[in-house]
Each structure stands twice: as C-alpha cells, then as structure tokens.
Amino acid sequence: MKSKKIYEEFEKLAIKMNFKIIHGIGDFDGGLCNLNGDDFIVLNKKKPIEQRLKVLVSVFNKLDLENKFLVPGLREYIKLDQKN
C-alpha cells in the first residue's frame, strides 16, 4: 500500500474513533492531544508524509484496535511498526 493511501486510511480510522486531525506548521513533530475532553492528533504539515505516518502509527499503536475494522494494509503497517 502506498504512503498516501495509508495516510488516507489513518484519516478514516481517526474519524471512526472520534479523533480530529489537526494540521499545523511549526517546530514540532506531532502527536496525541486532549483538550477539554476532545481528542486531537496534531500533525506538522511541513513534514514529509513518512514523518506524519510515523506520528500516526505511534498514536494508534497506543490504542486498542483489536475490535476495530482496519483495511488489511493498514493493520499490517501498524503491526510492522510494533515489531520495530
């Protein structure tokens, strides 16, 4: 699965799990944020897509995805990161 498609699948998963993805610019990598009870994933849109995917996979690796439907390519991408 190509990086852009994986990124799109992460965006769909975030929506299903009630996370809002925020794209910002600055001196940061990104990560999970909770503000006033709302969950956000903050990504630096100036970083390459591979960097943004690393942030997304690190966030979703911390969550329970066992009972969530993931397209096989996305599930495999997440599992590969867990092994590294």
PDB file of N, CA and C in Angstrom:
ATOM      1  N   MET A   1       0.850  -1.171   0.000  1.00  0.00           N
ATOM      2  CA  MET A   1       0.000   0.000   0.000  1.00  0.00           C
ATOM      3  C   MET A   1       0.901   1.242   0.000  1.00  0.00           C
ATOM      4  N   LYS A   2       0.581   2.210  -0.815  1.00  0.00           N
ATOM      5  CA  LYS A   2       1.387   3.428  -0.922  1.00  0.00           C
ATOM      6  C   LYS A   2       1.143   4.354   0.265  1.00  0.00           C
ATOM      7  N   SER A   3       2.141   5.200   0.534  1.00  0.00           N
ATOM      8  CA  SER A   3       2.091   6.102   1.691  1.00  0.00           C
ATOM      9  C   SER A   3       0.831   6.959   1.705  1.00  0.00           C
ATOM     10  N   LYS A   4       0.458   7.513   0.565  1.00  0.00           N
ATOM     11  CA  LYS A   4      -0.727   8.383   0.508  1.00  0.00           C
ATOM     12  C   LYS A   4      -1.991   7.609   0.878  1.00  0.00           C
ATOM     13  N   LYS A   5      -2.106   6.379   0.404  1.00  0.00           N
ATOM     14  CA  LYS A   5      -3.282   5.554   0.708  1.00  0.00           C
ATOM     15  C   LYS A   5      -3.303   5.185   2.193  1.00  0.00           C
ATOM     16  N   ILE A   6      -2.146   4.850   2.751  1.00  0.00           N
ATOM     17  CA  ILE A   6      -2.066   4.543   4.186  1.00  0.00           C
ATOM     18  C   ILE A   6      -2.495   5.765   4.990  1.00  0.00           C
ATOM     19  N   TYR A   7      -2.020   6.930   4.581  1.00  0.00           N
ATOM     20  CA  TYR A   7      -2.379   8.177   5.254  1.00  0.00           C
ATOM     21  C   TYR A   7      -3.900   8.391   5.215  1.00  0.00           C
ATOM     22  N   GLU A   8      -4.504   8.161   4.065  1.00  0.00           N
ATOM     23  CA  GLU A   8      -5.959   8.314   3.938  1.00  0.00           C
ATOM     24  C   GLU A   8      -6.698   7.332   4.840  1.00  0.00           C
ATOM     25  N   GLU A   9      -6.196   6.112   4.948  1.00  0.00           N
ATOM     26  CA  GLU A   9      -6.830   5.117   5.816  1.00  0.00           C
ATOM     27  C   GLU A   9      -6.698   5.508   7.289  1.00  0.00           C
ATOM     28  N   PHE A  10      -5.552   6.083   7.667  1.00  0.00           N
ATOM     29  CA  PHE A  10      -5.399   6.591   9.032  1.00  0.00           C
ATOM     30  C   PHE A  10      -6.409   7.707   9.298  1.00  0.00           C
ATOM     31  N   GLU A  11      -6.626   8.575   8.321  1.00  0.00           N
ATOM     32  CA  GLU A  11      -7.607   9.650   8.491  1.00  0.00           C
ATOM     33  C   GLU A  11      -9.008   9.082   8.710  1.00  0.00           C
ATOM     34  N   LYS A  12      -9.381   8.059   7.942  1.00  0.00           N
ATOM     35  CA  LYS A  12     -10.693   7.425   8.110  1.00  0.00           C
ATOM     36  C   LYS A  12     -10.813   6.778   9.487  1.00  0.00           C
ATOM     37  N   LEU A  13      -9.740   6.120   9.918  1.00  0.00           N
ATOM     38  CA  LEU A  13      -9.740   5.480  11.233  1.00  0.00           C
ATOM     39  C   LEU A  13      -9.884   6.522  12.338  1.00  0.00           C
ATOM     40  N   ALA A  14      -9.197   7.633  12.199  1.00  0.00           N
ATOM     41  CA  ALA A  14      -9.294   8.703  13.195  1.00  0.00           C
ATOM     42  C   ALA A  14     -10.737   9.183  13.324  1.00  0.00           C
ATOM     43  N   ILE A  15     -11.401   9.354  12.215  1.00  0.00           N
ATOM     44  CA  ILE A  15     -12.798   9.795  12.235  1.00  0.00           C
ATOM     45  C   ILE A  15     -13.670   8.761  12.942  1.00  0.00           C
ATOM     46  N   LYS A  16     -13.469   7.474  12.612  1.00  0.00           N
ATOM     47  CA  LYS A  16     -14.260   6.409  13.248  1.00  0.00           C
ATOM     48  C   LYS A  16     -14.044   6.370  14.754  1.00  0.00           C
ATOM     49  N   MET A  17     -12.845   6.758  15.201  1.00  0.00           N
ATOM     50  CA  MET A  17     -12.520   6.694  16.626  1.00  0.00           C
ATOM     51  C   MET A  17     -12.691   8.050  17.316  1.00  0.00           C
ATOM     52  N   ASN A  18     -13.349   8.982  16.631  1.00  0.00           N
ATOM     53  CA  ASN A  18     -13.660  10.312  17.174  1.00  0.00           C
ATOM     54  C   ASN A  18     -12.429  11.149  17.500  1.00  0.00           C
ATOM     55  N   PHE A  19     -11.404  11.012  16.690  1.00  0.00           N
ATOM     56  CA  PHE A  19     -10.231  11.879  16.789  1.00  0.00           C
ATOM     57  C   PHE A  19     -10.318  12.910  15.676  1.00  0.00           C
ATOM     58  N   LYS A  20      -9.917  14.116  15.994  1.00  0.00           N
ATOM     59  CA  LYS A  20      -9.829  15.152  14.968  1.00  0.00           C
ATOM     60  C   LYS A  20      -8.355  15.311  14.622  1.00  0.00           C
ATOM     61  N   ILE A  21      -8.045  15.322  13.337  1.00  0.00           N
ATOM     62  CA  ILE A  21      -6.667  15.528  12.911  1.00  0.00           C
ATOM     63  C   ILE A  21      -6.481  17.004  12.607  1.00  0.00           C
ATOM     64  N   ILE A  22      -5.487  17.579  13.263  1.00  0.00           N
ATOM     65  CA  ILE A  22      -5.156  18.990  13.082  1.00  0.00           C
ATOM     66  C   ILE A  22      -3.822  19.068  12.350  1.00  0.00           C
ATOM     67  N   HIS A  23      -3.782  19.828  11.269  1.00  0.00           N
ATOM     68  CA  HIS A  23      -2.543  20.030  10.519  1.00  0.00           C
ATOM     69  C   HIS A  23      -2.026  21.428  10.823  1.00  0.00           C
ATOM     70  N   GLY A  24      -0.830  21.489  11.391  1.00  0.00           N
ATOM     71  CA  GLY A  24      -0.257  22.772  11.744  1.00  0.00           C
ATOM     72  C   GLY A  24       1.136  22.934  11.174  1.00  0.00           C
ATOM     73  N   ILE A  25       1.684  24.103  11.395  1.00  0.00           N
ATOM     74  CA  ILE A  25       3.042  24.420  10.965  1.00  0.00           C
ATOM     75  C   ILE A  25       3.796  24.910  12.191  1.00  0.00           C
ATOM     76  N   GLY A  26       5.021  24.439  12.358  1.00  0.00           N
ATOM     77  CA  GLY A  26       5.819  24.898  13.486  1.00  0.00           C
ATOM     78  C   GLY A  26       6.986  23.976  13.730  1.00  0.00           C
ATOM     79  N   ASP A  27       7.602  24.162  14.871  1.00  0.00           N
ATOM     80  CA  ASP A  27       8.770  23.374  15.258  1.00  0.00           C
ATOM     81  C   ASP A  27       8.321  22.229  16.159  1.00  0.00           C
ATOM     82  N   PHE A  28       7.604  21.275  15.589  1.00  0.00           N
ATOM     83  CA  PHE A  28       7.103  20.125  16.340  1.00  0.00           C
ATOM     84  C   PHE A  28       6.923  18.956  15.385  1.00  0.00           C
ATOM     85  N   ASP A  29       6.887  17.755  15.949  1.00  0.00           N
ATOM     86  CA  ASP A  29       6.651  16.561  15.140  1.00  0.00           C
ATOM     87  C   ASP A  29       5.173  16.208  15.098  1.00  0.00           C
ATOM     88  N   GLY A  30       4.505  16.315  16.247  1.00  0.00           N
ATOM     89  CA  GLY A  30       3.090  15.988  16.329  1.00  0.00           C
ATOM     90  C   GLY A  30       2.835  14.904  17.346  1.00  0.00           C
ATOM     91  N   GLY A  31       1.572  14.579  17.534  1.00  0.00           N
ATOM     92  CA  GLY A  31       1.201  13.546  18.479  1.00  0.00           C
ATOM     93  C   GLY A  31      -0.235  13.696  18.928  1.00  0.00           C
ATOM     94  N   LEU A  32      -0.556  12.966  19.988  1.00  0.00           N
ATOM     95  CA  LEU A  32      -1.902  12.934  20.540  1.00  0.00           C
ATOM     96  C   LEU A  32      -2.078  14.073  21.538  1.00  0.00           C
ATOM     97  N   CYS A  33      -3.242  14.687  21.514  1.00  0.00           N
ATOM     98  CA  CYS A  33      -3.536  15.809  22.405  1.00  0.00           C
ATOM     99  C   CYS A  33      -4.998  15.708  22.832  1.00  0.00           C
ATOM    100  N   ASN A  34      -5.261  16.015  24.103  1.00  0.00           N
ATOM    101  CA  ASN A  34      -6.627  16.064  24.601  1.00  0.00           C
ATOM    102  C   ASN A  34      -6.852  17.462  25.145  1.00  0.00           C
ATOM    103  N   LEU A  35      -7.870  18.129  24.633  1.00  0.00           N
ATOM    104  CA  LEU A  35      -8.174  19.485  25.056  1.00  0.00           C
ATOM    105  C   LEU A  35      -9.661  19.572  25.356  1.00  0.00           C
ATOM    106  N   ASN A  36      -9.982  19.864  26.605  1.00  0.00           N
ATOM    107  CA  ASN A  36     -11.377  19.995  27.038  1.00  0.00           C
ATOM    108  C   ASN A  36     -12.211  18.767  26.685  1.00  0.00           C
ATOM    109  N   GLY A  37     -11.608  17.596  26.813  1.00  0.00           N
ATOM    110  CA  GLY A  37     -12.326  16.354  26.563  1.00  0.00           C
ATOM    111  C   GLY A  37     -12.372  15.908  25.113  1.00  0.00           C
ATOM    112  N   ASP A  38     -11.843  16.715  24.216  1.00  0.00           N
ATOM    113  CA  ASP A  38     -11.792  16.346  22.799  1.00  0.00           C
ATOM    114  C   ASP A  38     -10.406  15.806  22.471  1.00  0.00           C
ATOM    115  N   ASP A  39     -10.363  14.727  21.690  1.00  0.00           N
ATOM    116  CA  ASP A  39      -9.094  14.114  21.303  1.00  0.00           C
ATOM    117  C   ASP A  39      -8.669  14.608  19.928  1.00  0.00           C
ATOM    118  N   PHE A  40      -7.405  15.002  19.838  1.00  0.00           N
ATOM    119  CA  PHE A  40      -6.831  15.504  18.601  1.00  0.00           C
ATOM    120  C   PHE A  40      -5.545  14.761  18.295  1.00  0.00           C
ATOM    121  N   ILE A  41      -5.273  14.606  17.028  1.00  0.00           N
ATOM    122  CA  ILE A  41      -3.961  14.167  16.573  1.00  0.00           C
ATOM    123  C   ILE A  41      -3.395  15.352  15.808  1.00  0.00           C
ATOM    124  N   VAL A  42      -2.282  15.862  16.294  1.00  0.00           N
ATOM    125  CA  VAL A  42      -1.672  17.041  15.695  1.00  0.00           C
ATOM    126  C   VAL A  42      -0.527  16.589  14.796  1.00  0.00           C
ATOM    127  N   LEU A  43      -0.561  17.042  13.553  1.00  0.00           N
ATOM    128  CA  LEU A  43       0.475  16.700  12.579  1.00  0.00           C
ATOM    129  C   LEU A  43       1.071  17.976  12.001  1.00  0.00           C
ATOM    130  N   ASN A  44       2.360  17.938  11.746  1.00  0.00           N
ATOM    131  CA  ASN A  44       3.041  19.065  11.118  1.00  0.00           C
ATOM    132  C   ASN A  44       2.971  18.881   9.607  1.00  0.00           C
ATOM    133  N   LYS A  45       2.213  19.744   8.945  1.00  0.00           N
ATOM    134  CA  LYS A  45       2.010  19.557   7.510  1.00  0.00           C
ATOM    135  C   LYS A  45       3.237  19.898   6.683  1.00  0.00           C
ATOM    136  N   LYS A  46       4.257  20.482   7.292  1.00  0.00           N
ATOM    137  CA  LYS A  46       5.505  20.765   6.578  1.00  0.00           C
ATOM    138  C   LYS A  46       6.446  19.560   6.566  1.00  0.00           C
ATOM    139  N   LYS A  47       6.160  18.566   7.399  1.00  0.00           N
ATOM    140  CA  LYS A  47       6.996  17.361   7.454  1.00  0.00           C
ATOM    141  C   LYS A  47       6.621  16.436   6.297  1.00  0.00           C
ATOM    142  N   PRO A  48       7.575  15.614   5.845  1.00  0.00           N
ATOM    143  CA  PRO A  48       7.256  14.648   4.781  1.00  0.00           C
ATOM    144  C   PRO A  48       6.192  13.654   5.245  1.00  0.00           C
ATOM    145  N   ILE A  49       5.496  13.069   4.288  1.00  0.00           N
ATOM    146  CA  ILE A  49       4.404  12.147   4.622  1.00  0.00           C
ATOM    147  C   ILE A  49       4.898  10.983   5.474  1.00  0.00           C
ATOM    148  N   GLU A  50       6.122  10.524   5.254  1.00  0.00           N
ATOM    149  CA  GLU A  50       6.660   9.417   6.045  1.00  0.00           C
ATOM    150  C   GLU A  50       6.744   9.798   7.523  1.00  0.00           C
ATOM    151  N   GLN A  51       7.125  11.039   7.802  1.00  0.00           N
ATOM    152  CA  GLN A  51       7.201  11.535   9.182  1.00  0.00           C
ATOM    153  C   GLN A  51       5.803  11.598   9.799  1.00  0.00           C
ATOM    154  N   ARG A  52       4.829  12.068   9.032  1.00  0.00           N
ATOM    155  CA  ARG A  52       3.460  12.145   9.535  1.00  0.00           C
ATOM    156  C   ARG A  52       2.898  10.750   9.780  1.00  0.00           C
ATOM    157  N   LEU A  53       3.261   9.793   8.921  1.00  0.00           N
ATOM    158  CA  LEU A  53       2.826   8.409   9.133  1.00  0.00           C
ATOM    159  C   LEU A  53       3.426   7.837  10.409  1.00  0.00           C
ATOM    160  N   LYS A  54       4.673   8.183  10.724  1.00  0.00           N
ATOM    161  CA  LYS A  54       5.296   7.714  11.968  1.00  0.00           C
ATOM    162  C   LYS A  54       4.534   8.233  13.179  1.00  0.00           C
ATOM    163  N   VAL A  55       4.108   9.481  13.114  1.00  0.00           N
ATOM    164  CA  VAL A  55       3.324  10.051  14.214  1.00  0.00           C
ATOM    165  C   VAL A  55       1.997   9.309  14.334  1.00  0.00           C
ATOM    166  N   LEU A  56       1.322   9.105  13.225  1.00  0.00           N
ATOM    167  CA  LEU A  56       0.028   8.416  13.250  1.00  0.00           C
ATOM    168  C   LEU A  56       0.157   6.995  13.771  1.00  0.00           C
ATOM    169  N   VAL A  57       1.156   6.262  13.304  1.00  0.00           N
ATOM    170  CA  VAL A  57       1.303   4.877  13.751  1.00  0.00           C
ATOM    171  C   VAL A  57       1.664   4.832  15.231  1.00  0.00           C
ATOM    172  N   SER A  58       2.436   5.798  15.714  1.00  0.00           N
ATOM    173  CA  SER A  58       2.770   5.800  17.146  1.00  0.00           C
ATOM    174  C   SER A  58       1.536   6.086  17.994  1.00  0.00           C
ATOM    175  N   VAL A  59       0.655   6.951  17.518  1.00  0.00           N
ATOM    176  CA  VAL A  59      -0.588   7.245  18.235  1.00  0.00           C
ATOM    177  C   VAL A  59      -1.486   6.010  18.254  1.00  0.00           C
ATOM    178  N   PHE A  60      -1.710   5.404  17.106  1.00  0.00           N
ATOM    179  CA  PHE A  60      -2.641   4.281  17.034  1.00  0.00           C
ATOM    180  C   PHE A  60      -2.077   3.009  17.660  1.00  0.00           C
ATOM    181  N   ASN A  61      -0.757   2.908  17.775  1.00  0.00           N
ATOM    182  CA  ASN A  61      -0.165   1.769  18.484  1.00  0.00           C
ATOM    183  C   ASN A  61      -0.495   1.798  19.973  1.00  0.00           C
ATOM    184  N   LYS A  62      -0.817   2.961  20.502  1.00  0.00           N
ATOM    185  CA  LYS A  62      -1.143   3.105  21.924  1.00  0.00           C
ATOM    186  C   LYS A  62      -2.613   2.791  22.209  1.00  0.00           C
ATOM    187  N   LEU A  63      -3.396   2.629  21.169  1.00  0.00           N
ATOM    188  CA  LEU A  63      -4.838   2.430  21.325  1.00  0.00           C
ATOM    189  C   LEU A  63      -5.213   0.973  21.089  1.00  0.00           C
ATOM    190  N   ASP A  64      -6.350   0.575  21.637  1.00  0.00           N
ATOM    191  CA  ASP A  64      -6.856  -0.783  21.440  1.00  0.00           C
ATOM    192  C   ASP A  64      -7.587  -0.846  20.099  1.00  0.00           C
ATOM    193  N   LEU A  65      -6.986  -1.540  19.153  1.00  0.00           N
ATOM    194  CA  LEU A  65      -7.565  -1.647  17.812  1.00  0.00           C
ATOM    195  C   LEU A  65      -8.104  -3.036  17.509  1.00  0.00           C
ATOM    196  N   GLU A  66      -8.077  -3.918  18.502  1.00  0.00           N
ATOM    197  CA  GLU A  66      -8.477  -5.310  18.272  1.00  0.00           C
ATOM    198  C   GLU A  66      -9.895  -5.439  17.725  1.00  0.00           C
ATOM    199  N   ASN A  67     -10.822  -4.661  18.220  1.00  0.00           N
ATOM    200  CA  ASN A  67     -12.221  -4.776  17.798  1.00  0.00           C
ATOM    201  C   ASN A  67     -12.617  -3.732  16.763  1.00  0.00           C
ATOM    202  N   LYS A  68     -11.627  -3.101  16.150  1.00  0.00           N
ATOM    203  CA  LYS A  68     -11.886  -2.101  15.112  1.00  0.00           C
ATOM    204  C   LYS A  68     -11.579  -2.703  13.752  1.00  0.00           C
ATOM    205  N   PHE A  69     -12.434  -2.412  12.772  1.00  0.00           N
ATOM    206  CA  PHE A  69     -12.136  -2.878  11.423  1.00  0.00           C
ATOM    207  C   PHE A  69     -11.085  -1.971  10.815  1.00  0.00           C
ATOM    208  N   LEU A  70     -10.009  -2.580  10.350  1.00  0.00           N
ATOM    209  CA  LEU A  70      -8.964  -1.866   9.621  1.00  0.00           C
ATOM    210  C   LEU A  70      -8.764  -2.581   8.295  1.00  0.00           C
ATOM    211  N   VAL A  71      -8.552  -1.824   7.245  1.00  0.00           N
ATOM    212  CA  VAL A  71      -8.226  -2.488   5.987  1.00  0.00           C
ATOM    213  C   VAL A  71      -6.931  -3.256   6.208  1.00  0.00           C
ATOM    214  N   PRO A  72      -6.785  -4.410   5.585  1.00  0.00           N
ATOM    215  CA  PRO A  72      -5.620  -5.259   5.855  1.00  0.00           C
ATOM    216  C   PRO A  72      -4.271  -4.554   5.702  1.00  0.00           C
ATOM    217  N   GLY A  73      -4.126  -3.693   4.701  1.00  0.00           N
ATOM    218  CA  GLY A  73      -2.856  -2.990   4.507  1.00  0.00           C
ATOM    219  C   GLY A  73      -2.506  -2.083   5.669  1.00  0.00           C
ATOM    220  N   LEU A  74      -3.506  -1.428   6.247  1.00  0.00           N
ATOM    221  CA  LEU A  74      -3.266  -0.546   7.387  1.00  0.00           C
ATOM    222  C   LEU A  74      -2.923  -1.356   8.631  1.00  0.00           C
ATOM    223  N   ARG A  75      -3.652  -2.439   8.858  1.00  0.00           N
ATOM    224  CA  ARG A  75      -3.354  -3.291  10.012  1.00  0.00           C
ATOM    225  C   ARG A  75      -1.925  -3.839   9.915  1.00  0.00           C
ATOM    226  N   GLU A  76      -1.527  -4.245   8.725  1.00  0.00           N
ATOM    227  CA  GLU A  76      -0.171  -4.771   8.516  1.00  0.00           C
ATOM    228  C   GLU A  76       0.875  -3.681   8.759  1.00  0.00           C
ATOM    229  N   TYR A  77       0.608  -2.471   8.302  1.00  0.00           N
ATOM    230  CA  TYR A  77       1.522  -1.341   8.504  1.00  0.00           C
ATOM    231  C   TYR A  77       1.721  -1.080   9.995  1.00  0.00           C
ATOM    232  N   ILE A  78       0.644  -1.120  10.752  1.00  0.00           N
ATOM    233  CA  ILE A  78       0.723  -0.900  12.199  1.00  0.00           C
ATOM    234  C   ILE A  78       1.478  -2.036  12.864  1.00  0.00           C
ATOM    235  N   LYS A  79       1.210  -3.270  12.462  1.00  0.00           N
ATOM    236  CA  LYS A  79       1.904  -4.422  13.056  1.00  0.00           C
ATOM    237  C   LYS A  79       3.396  -4.393  12.752  1.00  0.00           C
ATOM    238  N   LEU A  80       3.769  -3.977  11.552  1.00  0.00           N
ATOM    239  CA  LEU A  80       5.186  -3.879  11.203  1.00  0.00           C
ATOM    240  C   LEU A  80       5.903  -2.898  12.120  1.00  0.00           C
ATOM    241  N   ASP A  81       5.242  -1.798  12.434  1.00  0.00           N
ATOM    242  CA  ASP A  81       5.848  -0.815  13.330  1.00  0.00           C
ATOM    243  C   ASP A  81       5.998  -1.373  14.739  1.00  0.00           C
ATOM    244  N   GLN A  82       5.052  -2.184  15.180  1.00  0.00           N
ATOM    245  CA  GLN A  82       5.132  -2.774  16.520  1.00  0.00           C
ATOM    246  C   GLN A  82       6.340  -3.695  16.640  1.00  0.00           C
ATOM    247  N   LYS A  83       6.715  -4.331  15.540  1.00  0.00           N
ATOM    248  CA  LYS A  83       7.858  -5.243  15.562  1.00  0.00           C
ATOM    249  C   LYS A  83       9.184  -4.496  15.618  1.00  0.00           C
ATOM    250  N   ASN A  84       9.199  -3.251  15.147  1.00  0.00           N
ATOM    251  CA  ASN A  84      10.449  -2.467  15.121  1.00  0.00           C
ATOM    252  C   ASN A  84      10.685  -1.767  16.390  1.00  0.00           C
TER     253      ASN A  84
END
